[in-house]
């Protein structure tokens, strides 16, 4: 090894150490699957932690394309999770309806706006009145839309 190669290698090593010093990596403990796991986290904005071949953590800047992909993935992940949970939600709803029937608490499917006093199992007069008014308004709107469709078809 010549003197020049030695100096070049030394400069490379020094620059790598300076970059390592500038990095702000923190060990954070997280619980996953009921086990405590420690992993590295960076406090710099727009940066993420990436591990090299020897499993040493390094900071890497998040590119705009990667940021966009992450946003899309978050949206899709939420949608997939929701779809997966819908079966459990439906089961719980059916269970609660069965329990209501067993306890004698009715659920008005025709007018769901009615609020019931569960202790006395009596209907409030104001609630029934507002619920009926709302259902009448909805029927009027449906009839008006239906009539408008007929008029449009006749003119065409």
Protein backbone atom coordinates (compact mmCIF):
# COMPACT_ATOMS: atom_id res chain seq x y z
CA UNK A 1 0.00 0.00 0.00
CA UNK A 2 1.39 3.36 -1.01
CA UNK A 3 1.23 6.50 1.11
CA UNK A 4 -1.39 8.07 -1.19
CA UNK A 5 -3.68 5.00 -0.94
CA UNK A 6 -3.29 5.02 2.84
CA UNK A 7 -4.36 8.69 3.03
CA UNK A 8 -7.33 8.09 0.70
CA UNK A 9 -8.51 5.16 2.84
CA UNK A 10 -8.07 7.21 6.00
CA UNK A 11 -10.16 10.05 4.53
CA UNK A 12 -12.93 7.62 3.60
CA UNK A 13 -12.95 6.15 7.10
CA UNK A 14 -13.03 9.61 8.71
CA UNK A 15 -15.91 10.80 6.52
CA UNK A 16 -17.90 7.65 7.36
CA UNK A 17 -17.36 8.25 11.08
CA UNK A 18 -18.37 11.91 10.76
CA UNK A 19 -21.59 10.87 9.04
CA UNK A 20 -22.21 8.31 11.78
CA UNK A 21 -21.78 11.01 14.44
CA UNK A 22 -24.25 13.34 12.69
CA UNK A 23 -26.93 10.65 12.67
CA UNK A 24 -29.45 10.79 15.51
CA UNK A 25 -30.45 7.18 16.09
CA UNK A 26 -32.27 6.15 19.25
CA UNK A 27 -33.12 2.68 20.53
CA UNK A 28 -36.82 2.34 21.17
CA UNK A 29 -38.59 -0.57 22.85
CA UNK A 30 -41.88 -1.77 21.37
CA UNK A 31 -44.26 -4.60 22.24
CA UNK A 32 -45.04 -6.91 19.30
CA UNK A 33 -46.92 -10.19 19.70
CA UNK A 34 -46.62 -9.88 23.48
CA UNK A 35 -42.83 -9.63 23.38
CA UNK A 36 -40.60 -6.65 24.09
CA UNK A 37 -38.49 -5.75 21.04
CA UNK A 38 -35.91 -2.97 20.70
CA UNK A 39 -35.34 -1.33 17.36
CA UNK A 40 -33.63 1.79 16.06
CA UNK A 41 -35.55 4.99 15.33
CA UNK A 42 -34.40 8.29 13.84
CA UNK A 43 -35.63 11.69 14.99
CA UNK A 44 -34.79 13.44 11.71
CA UNK A 45 -37.74 14.33 9.49
CA UNK A 46 -37.92 12.65 6.07
CA UNK A 47 -35.46 9.93 7.14
CA UNK A 48 -35.79 6.23 7.84
CA UNK A 49 -33.55 3.56 9.36
CA UNK A 50 -32.01 0.98 7.06
CA UNK A 51 -29.74 -1.88 8.12
CA UNK A 52 -26.57 -2.84 6.24
CA UNK A 53 -25.16 -6.36 5.70
CA UNK A 54 -23.80 -6.55 9.26
CA UNK A 55 -27.17 -5.39 10.63
CA UNK A 56 -25.86 -1.97 11.67
CA UNK A 57 -28.47 0.81 11.47
CA UNK A 58 -28.00 3.77 9.12
CA UNK A 59 -30.18 6.75 8.28
CA UNK A 60 -31.48 7.07 4.74
CA UNK A 61 -33.47 9.94 3.25
CA UNK A 62 -36.99 9.05 2.14
CA UNK A 63 -37.40 9.89 -1.54
CA UNK A 64 -40.60 11.57 -2.81
CA UNK A 65 -41.60 8.44 -4.73
CA UNK A 66 -41.17 6.30 -1.60
CA UNK A 67 -43.21 8.81 0.42
CA UNK A 68 -46.02 8.61 -2.15
CA UNK A 69 -45.94 4.79 -2.10
CA UNK A 70 -46.15 4.83 1.69
CA UNK A 71 -49.25 7.06 1.61
CA UNK A 72 -50.96 4.74 -0.88
CA UNK A 73 -50.02 1.68 1.18
CA UNK A 74 -51.50 3.25 4.33
CA UNK A 75 -54.80 3.87 2.55
CA UNK A 76 -54.94 0.34 1.14
CA UNK A 77 -53.94 -1.22 4.46
CA UNK A 78 -56.78 0.58 6.23
CA UNK A 79 -59.26 -0.57 3.60
CA UNK A 80 -58.10 -4.20 3.80
CA UNK A 81 -58.23 -4.18 7.61
CA UNK A 82 -61.76 -2.79 7.55
CA UNK A 83 -62.93 -5.47 5.11
CA UNK A 84 -61.37 -8.18 7.25
CA UNK A 85 -63.10 -6.92 10.37
CA UNK A 86 -66.56 -6.66 8.78
CA UNK A 87 -67.36 -10.33 9.49
CA UNK A 88 -66.60 -9.86 13.18
CA UNK A 89 -68.65 -6.65 13.26
CA UNK A 90 -71.65 -8.43 11.70
CA UNK A 91 -71.35 -11.30 14.20
CA UNK A 92 -71.30 -8.87 17.11
CA UNK A 93 -74.35 -7.04 15.74
CA UNK A 94 -76.30 -10.29 15.40
CA UNK A 95 -75.27 -11.28 18.93
CA UNK A 96 -76.43 -7.95 20.34
CA UNK A 97 -79.76 -8.21 18.49
CA UNK A 98 -80.30 -11.69 19.97
CA UNK A 99 -79.50 -10.39 23.44
CA UNK A 100 -81.94 -7.52 22.96
CA UNK A 101 -84.67 -9.96 21.94
CA UNK A 102 -83.94 -12.15 24.97
CA UNK A 103 -84.13 -9.15 27.31
CA UNK A 104 -87.32 -7.93 25.66
CA UNK A 105 -85.79 -4.77 24.23
CA UNK A 106 -87.12 -4.24 20.73
CA UNK A 107 -85.25 -2.61 17.89
CA UNK A 108 -87.51 -0.78 15.49
CA UNK A 109 -86.15 -1.61 12.04
CA UNK A 110 -88.76 0.47 10.22
CA UNK A 111 -88.01 3.67 12.17
CA UNK A 112 -84.52 3.35 13.70
CA UNK A 113 -84.51 7.01 14.80
CA UNK A 114 -86.75 6.21 17.77
CA UNK A 115 -84.79 6.42 21.00
CA UNK A 116 -86.01 4.07 23.70
CA UNK A 117 -85.67 4.34 27.45
CA UNK A 118 -84.10 0.95 28.10
CA UNK A 119 -84.89 0.81 31.82
CA UNK A 120 -88.64 1.27 31.50
CA UNK A 121 -88.88 0.07 27.88
CA UNK A 122 -91.15 2.95 26.98
CA UNK A 123 -91.09 5.22 23.95
CA UNK A 124 -90.67 8.97 24.30
CA UNK A 125 -93.48 10.87 22.57
CA UNK A 126 -91.20 13.52 21.08
CA UNK A 127 -88.85 10.93 19.67
CA UNK A 128 -91.68 9.05 17.96
CA UNK A 129 -93.02 12.27 16.50
CA UNK A 130 -89.66 13.39 15.08
CA UNK A 131 -88.94 9.92 13.74
CA UNK A 132 -92.28 9.78 11.95
CA UNK A 133 -91.76 13.27 10.52
CA UNK A 134 -88.33 12.26 9.23
CA UNK A 135 -89.73 9.12 7.59
CA UNK A 136 -92.51 11.18 5.97
CA UNK A 137 -89.98 13.64 4.57
CA UNK A 138 -87.95 10.77 3.15
CA UNK A 139 -91.05 9.28 1.49
CA UNK A 140 -91.99 12.66 -0.01
CA UNK A 141 -88.50 13.05 -1.46
CA UNK A 142 -88.64 9.55 -2.99
CA UNK A 143 -92.05 10.22 -4.54
CA UNK A 144 -90.85 13.57 -5.93
CA UNK A 145 -87.80 11.94 -7.54
CA UNK A 146 -89.98 9.19 -9.02
CA UNK A 147 -92.42 11.72 -10.48
CA UNK A 148 -89.58 13.78 -11.97
CA UNK A 149 -88.22 10.66 -13.70
CA UNK A 150 -91.62 9.96 -15.28
CA UNK A 151 -91.89 13.54 -16.56
CA UNK A 152 -88.41 13.40 -18.09
CA UNK A 153 -89.18 10.09 -19.85
CA UNK A 154 -92.41 11.47 -21.36
CA UNK A 155 -90.69 14.58 -22.76
CA UNK A 156 -87.90 12.54 -24.39
